[in-house]
PDB file of N, CA and C in Angstrom:
ATOM      1  N   MET A   1     108.429  90.496  90.895  1.00  0.00           N
ATOM      2  CA  MET A   1     107.263  91.434  90.421  1.00  0.00           C
ATOM      3  C   MET A   1     107.303  92.051  91.378  1.00  0.00           C
ATOM      4  N   LEU A   2     107.320  92.290  92.655  1.00  0.00           N
ATOM      5  CA  LEU A   2     107.170  92.385  94.171  1.00  0.00           C
ATOM      6  C   LEU A   2     108.580  93.584  94.013  1.00  0.00           C
ATOM      7  N   THR A   3     109.987  92.984  93.756  1.00  0.00           N
ATOM      8  CA  THR A   3     110.707  93.383  93.555  1.00  0.00           C
ATOM      9  C   THR A   3     110.927  94.740  92.699  1.00  0.00           C
ATOM     10  N   ILE A   4     109.745  94.138  91.467  1.00  0.00           N
ATOM     11  CA  ILE A   4     110.566  96.100  90.883  1.00  0.00           C
ATOM     12  C   ILE A   4     109.653  96.875  91.525  1.00  0.00           C
ATOM     13  N   PHE A   5     108.152  96.324  91.766  1.00  0.00           N
ATOM     14  CA  PHE A   5     107.684  97.785  92.793  1.00  0.00           C
ATOM     15  C   PHE A   5     108.552  98.199  93.558  1.00  0.00           C
ATOM     16  N   ARG A   6     109.484  97.329  94.426  1.00  0.00           N
ATOM     17  CA  ARG A   6     110.180  98.035  95.621  1.00  0.00           C
ATOM     18  C   ARG A   6     111.384  98.590  94.960  1.00  0.00           C
ATOM     19  N   ARG A   7     111.847  98.803  93.583  1.00  0.00           N
ATOM     20  CA  ARG A   7     112.576  99.133  93.044  1.00  0.00           C
ATOM     21  C   ARG A   7     112.001 100.443  92.878  1.00  0.00           C
ATOM     22  N   LEU A   8     110.955 100.553  92.341  1.00  0.00           N
ATOM     23  CA  LEU A   8     110.507 101.655  91.334  1.00  0.00           C
ATOM     24  C   LEU A   8     109.593 102.403  92.631  1.00  0.00           C
ATOM     25  N   MET A   9     108.948 102.147  93.941  1.00  0.00           N
ATOM     26  CA  MET A   9     109.087 102.673  95.048  1.00  0.00           C
ATOM     27  C   MET A   9     109.915 103.896  95.791  1.00  0.00           C
ATOM     28  N   ALA A  10     111.426 103.054  95.950  1.00  0.00           N
ATOM     29  CA  ALA A  10     113.013 103.467  96.494  1.00  0.00           C
ATOM     30  C   ALA A  10     113.276 104.641  95.348  1.00  0.00           C
ATOM     31  N   ASP A  11     113.073 104.576  94.080  1.00  0.00           N
ATOM     32  CA  ASP A  11     113.927 105.625  92.863  1.00  0.00           C
ATOM     33  C   ASP A  11     112.713 107.062  94.131  1.00  0.00           C
ATOM     34  N   ASP A  12     113.707 107.696  93.810  1.00  0.00           N
ATOM     35  CA  ASP A  12     113.342 109.423  94.029  1.00  0.00           C
ATOM     36  C   ASP A  12     113.289 110.375  93.374  1.00  0.00           C
ATOM     37  N   GLN A  13     113.045 109.964  91.506  1.00  0.00           N
ATOM     38  CA  GLN A  13     113.502 110.681  90.972  1.00  0.00           C
ATOM     39  C   GLN A  13     111.858 111.142  90.294  1.00  0.00           C
ATOM     40  N   GLY A  14     110.487 110.842  90.922  1.00  0.00           N
ATOM     41  CA  GLY A  14     109.397 110.654  90.291  1.00  0.00           C
ATOM     42  C   GLY A  14     108.843 110.182  90.043  1.00  0.00           C
ATOM     43  N   ALA A  15     107.404 110.597  89.281  1.00  0.00           N
ATOM     44  CA  ALA A  15     107.161 109.131  87.771  1.00  0.00           C
ATOM     45  C   ALA A  15     107.255 110.617  87.183  1.00  0.00           C
ATOM     46  N   THR A  16     107.148 110.006  85.902  1.00  0.00           N
ATOM     47  CA  THR A  16     106.693 110.770  84.497  1.00  0.00           C
ATOM     48  C   THR A  16     105.387 111.252  84.116  1.00  0.00           C
ATOM     49  N   LEU A  17     104.599 111.665  82.978  1.00  0.00           N
ATOM     50  CA  LEU A  17     103.668 111.962  83.076  1.00  0.00           C
ATOM     51  C   LEU A  17     103.052 110.225  81.672  1.00  0.00           C
ATOM     52  N   ALA A  18     104.008 109.933  80.954  1.00  0.00           N
ATOM     53  CA  ALA A  18     104.624 109.030  80.480  1.00  0.00           C
ATOM     54  C   ALA A  18     103.599 107.011  81.471  1.00  0.00           C
ATOM     55  N   GLU A  19     104.979 107.348  82.709  1.00  0.00           N
ATOM     56  CA  GLU A  19     104.665 105.941  83.142  1.00  0.00           C
ATOM     57  C   GLU A  19     103.333 106.165  83.743  1.00  0.00           C
ATOM     58  N   TYR A  20     103.030 107.504  84.800  1.00  0.00           N
ATOM     59  CA  TYR A  20     101.601 107.363  84.979  1.00  0.00           C
ATOM     60  C   TYR A  20     100.683 106.491  84.370  1.00  0.00           C
ATOM     61  N   GLY A  21     100.447 107.415  83.074  1.00  0.00           N
ATOM     62  CA  GLY A  21      99.710 106.689  81.774  1.00  0.00           C
ATOM     63  C   GLY A  21     100.055 105.370  81.619  1.00  0.00           C
ATOM     64  N   LEU A  22     100.846 104.869  81.539  1.00  0.00           N
ATOM     65  CA  LEU A  22     101.272 103.271  81.049  1.00  0.00           C
ATOM     66  C   LEU A  22     100.321 102.614  82.413  1.00  0.00           C
ATOM     67  N   LEU A  23     101.053 102.362  83.844  1.00  0.00           N
ATOM     68  CA  LEU A  23     100.132 102.621  84.640  1.00  0.00           C
ATOM     69  C   LEU A  23      98.544 102.233  84.774  1.00  0.00           C
ATOM     70  N   LEU A  24      97.196 103.255  84.354  1.00  0.00           N
ATOM     71  CA  LEU A  24      96.727 103.579  83.851  1.00  0.00           C
ATOM     72  C   LEU A  24      95.898 102.183  82.742  1.00  0.00           C
ATOM     73  N   MET A  25      96.726 102.846  81.702  1.00  0.00           N
ATOM     74  CA  MET A  25      96.939 101.918  80.268  1.00  0.00           C
ATOM     75  C   MET A  25      96.153 100.638  81.323  1.00  0.00           C
ATOM     76  N   LEU A  26      98.177 100.045  82.068  1.00  0.00           N
ATOM     77  CA  LEU A  26      97.539  99.198  81.894  1.00  0.00           C
ATOM     78  C   LEU A  26      95.855  98.365  83.106  1.00  0.00           C
ATOM     79  N   VAL A  27      95.907  98.759  84.345  1.00  0.00           N
ATOM     80  CA  VAL A  27      94.751  98.990  85.065  1.00  0.00           C
ATOM     81  C   VAL A  27      93.386  99.237  84.326  1.00  0.00           C
ATOM     82  N   ALA A  28      93.553  99.848  82.862  1.00  0.00           N
ATOM     83  CA  ALA A  28      92.515  99.752  82.310  1.00  0.00           C
ATOM     84  C   ALA A  28      92.703  98.256  81.917  1.00  0.00           C
ATOM     85  N   LEU A  29      92.556  98.379  81.209  1.00  0.00           N
ATOM     86  CA  LEU A  29      93.873  96.469  80.846  1.00  0.00           C
ATOM     87  C   LEU A  29      93.398  95.515  81.740  1.00  0.00           C
ATOM     88  N   VAL A  30      93.442  95.421  83.067  1.00  0.00           N
ATOM     89  CA  VAL A  30      92.725  94.505  83.539  1.00  0.00           C
ATOM     90  C   VAL A  30      91.249  94.326  83.572  1.00  0.00           C
ATOM     91  N   VAL A  31      90.992  95.622  84.022  1.00  0.00           N
ATOM     92  CA  VAL A  31      89.754  95.462  83.822  1.00  0.00           C
ATOM     93  C   VAL A  31      88.977  95.881  82.979  1.00  0.00           C
ATOM     94  N   ILE A  32      89.152  95.908  82.179  1.00  0.00           N
ATOM     95  CA  ILE A  32      88.433  95.046  80.721  1.00  0.00           C
ATOM     96  C   ILE A  32      88.316  93.716  80.355  1.00  0.00           C
ATOM     97  N   GLY A  33      89.548  93.379  81.257  1.00  0.00           N
ATOM     98  CA  GLY A  33      90.017  91.960  81.021  1.00  0.00           C
ATOM     99  C   GLY A  33      89.009  91.369  82.077  1.00  0.00           C
ATOM    100  N   VAL A  34      88.570  91.441  83.188  1.00  0.00           N
ATOM    101  CA  VAL A  34      87.525  91.135  83.502  1.00  0.00           C
ATOM    102  C   VAL A  34      86.529  91.239  83.700  1.00  0.00           C
ATOM    103  N   LEU A  35      85.933  92.273  82.872  1.00  0.00           N
ATOM    104  CA  LEU A  35      84.773  92.446  82.658  1.00  0.00           C
ATOM    105  C   LEU A  35      84.346  92.078  81.244  1.00  0.00           C
ATOM    106  N   ALA A  36      85.071  91.330  80.276  1.00  0.00           N
ATOM    107  CA  ALA A  36      85.171  90.681  79.294  1.00  0.00           C
ATOM    108  C   ALA A  36      84.854  89.283  79.586  1.00  0.00           C
ATOM    109  N   THR A  37      85.814  88.716  80.651  1.00  0.00           N
ATOM    110  CA  THR A  37      85.453  87.865  81.433  1.00  0.00           C
ATOM    111  C   THR A  37      84.767  87.192  81.989  1.00  0.00           C
ATOM    112  N   PHE A  38      84.074  88.360  83.209  1.00  0.00           N
ATOM    113  CA  PHE A  38      83.091  87.607  84.259  1.00  0.00           C
ATOM    114  C   PHE A  38      82.131  88.770  83.276  1.00  0.00           C
ATOM    115  N   GLY A  39      81.869  89.503  83.063  1.00  0.00           N
ATOM    116  CA  GLY A  39      80.434  90.462  82.638  1.00  0.00           C
ATOM    117  C   GLY A  39      79.512  89.649  82.119  1.00  0.00           C
ATOM    118  N   SER A  40      79.536  88.548  81.646  1.00  0.00           N
ATOM    119  CA  SER A  40      78.063  87.521  81.075  1.00  0.00           C
ATOM    120  C   SER A  40      77.036  87.168  82.728  1.00  0.00           C
ATOM    121  N   SER A  41      78.170  86.338  83.178  1.00  0.00           N
ATOM    122  CA  SER A  41      78.191  86.335  84.382  1.00  0.00           C
ATOM    123  C   SER A  41      77.330  87.251  85.810  1.00  0.00           C
ATOM    124  N   ILE A  42      78.240  88.177  85.206  1.00  0.00           N
ATOM    125  CA  ILE A  42      77.668  89.843  86.723  1.00  0.00           C
ATOM    126  C   ILE A  42      76.357  89.794  85.895  1.00  0.00           C
ATOM    127  N   ASN A  43      75.839  89.976  85.117  1.00  0.00           N
ATOM    128  CA  ASN A  43      75.070  90.285  84.327  1.00  0.00           C
ATOM    129  C   ASN A  43      73.597  89.511  84.400  1.00  0.00           C
ATOM    130  N   SER A  44      73.844  88.196  84.498  1.00  0.00           N
ATOM    131  CA  SER A  44      72.752  86.817  84.168  1.00  0.00           C
ATOM    132  C   SER A  44      72.805  86.711  86.208  1.00  0.00           C
ATOM    133  N   MET A  45      73.192  87.017  86.669  1.00  0.00           N
ATOM    134  CA  MET A  45      73.536  87.609  88.675  1.00  0.00           C
ATOM    135  C   MET A  45      72.606  87.671  88.743  1.00  0.00           C
ATOM    136  N   TYR A  46      72.795  89.718  87.684  1.00  0.00           N
ATOM    137  CA  TYR A  46      71.535  90.768  88.516  1.00  0.00           C
ATOM    138  C   TYR A  46      70.511  90.335  88.016  1.00  0.00           C
ATOM    139  N   SER A  47      70.421  89.831  86.972  1.00  0.00           N
ATOM    140  CA  SER A  47      68.958  89.308  86.117  1.00  0.00           C
ATOM    141  C   SER A  47      68.208  88.783  87.175  1.00  0.00           C
ATOM    142  N   ARG A  48      68.995  87.419  87.633  1.00  0.00           N
ATOM    143  CA  ARG A  48      67.753  86.859  88.737  1.00  0.00           C
ATOM    144  C   ARG A  48      67.604  87.513  89.407  1.00  0.00           C
ATOM    145  N   SER A  49      68.182  88.292  90.366  1.00  0.00           N
ATOM    146  CA  SER A  49      67.890  89.118  91.147  1.00  0.00           C
ATOM    147  C   SER A  49      66.497  90.000  91.079  1.00  0.00           C
ATOM    148  N   ALA A  50      66.768  90.196  90.257  1.00  0.00           N
ATOM    149  CA  ALA A  50      65.533  91.491  89.901  1.00  0.00           C
ATOM    150  C   ALA A  50      65.586  90.671  89.714  1.00  0.00           C
ATOM    151  N   ASN A  51      64.628  90.201  88.118  1.00  0.00           N
ATOM    152  CA  ASN A  51      63.511  88.969  88.442  1.00  0.00           C
ATOM    153  C   ASN A  51      63.209  88.276  89.692  1.00  0.00           C
ATOM    154  N   GLU A  52      63.583  87.826  90.899  1.00  0.00           N
ATOM    155  CA  GLU A  52      63.731  87.468  92.089  1.00  0.00           C
ATOM    156  C   GLU A  52      62.439  87.998  93.136  1.00  0.00           C
ATOM    157  N   LEU A  53      62.790  89.465  92.370  1.00  0.00           N
ATOM    158  CA  LEU A  53      62.450  90.635  93.511  1.00  0.00           C
ATOM    159  C   LEU A  53      60.798  91.089  92.805  1.00  0.00           C
TER     160      LEU A  53
END
């Protein structure tokens, strides 16, 4: 993965709109996955904190 990232950084042609769109989609999928995994536990943590206040 690191070698792929280095190769992309060394490429001097520049990224196209499609490449930026794919990167944005990848980031969005990671965020959605994290929220789906930890969403309920984060929600309960905030609820307990609010109830204690």
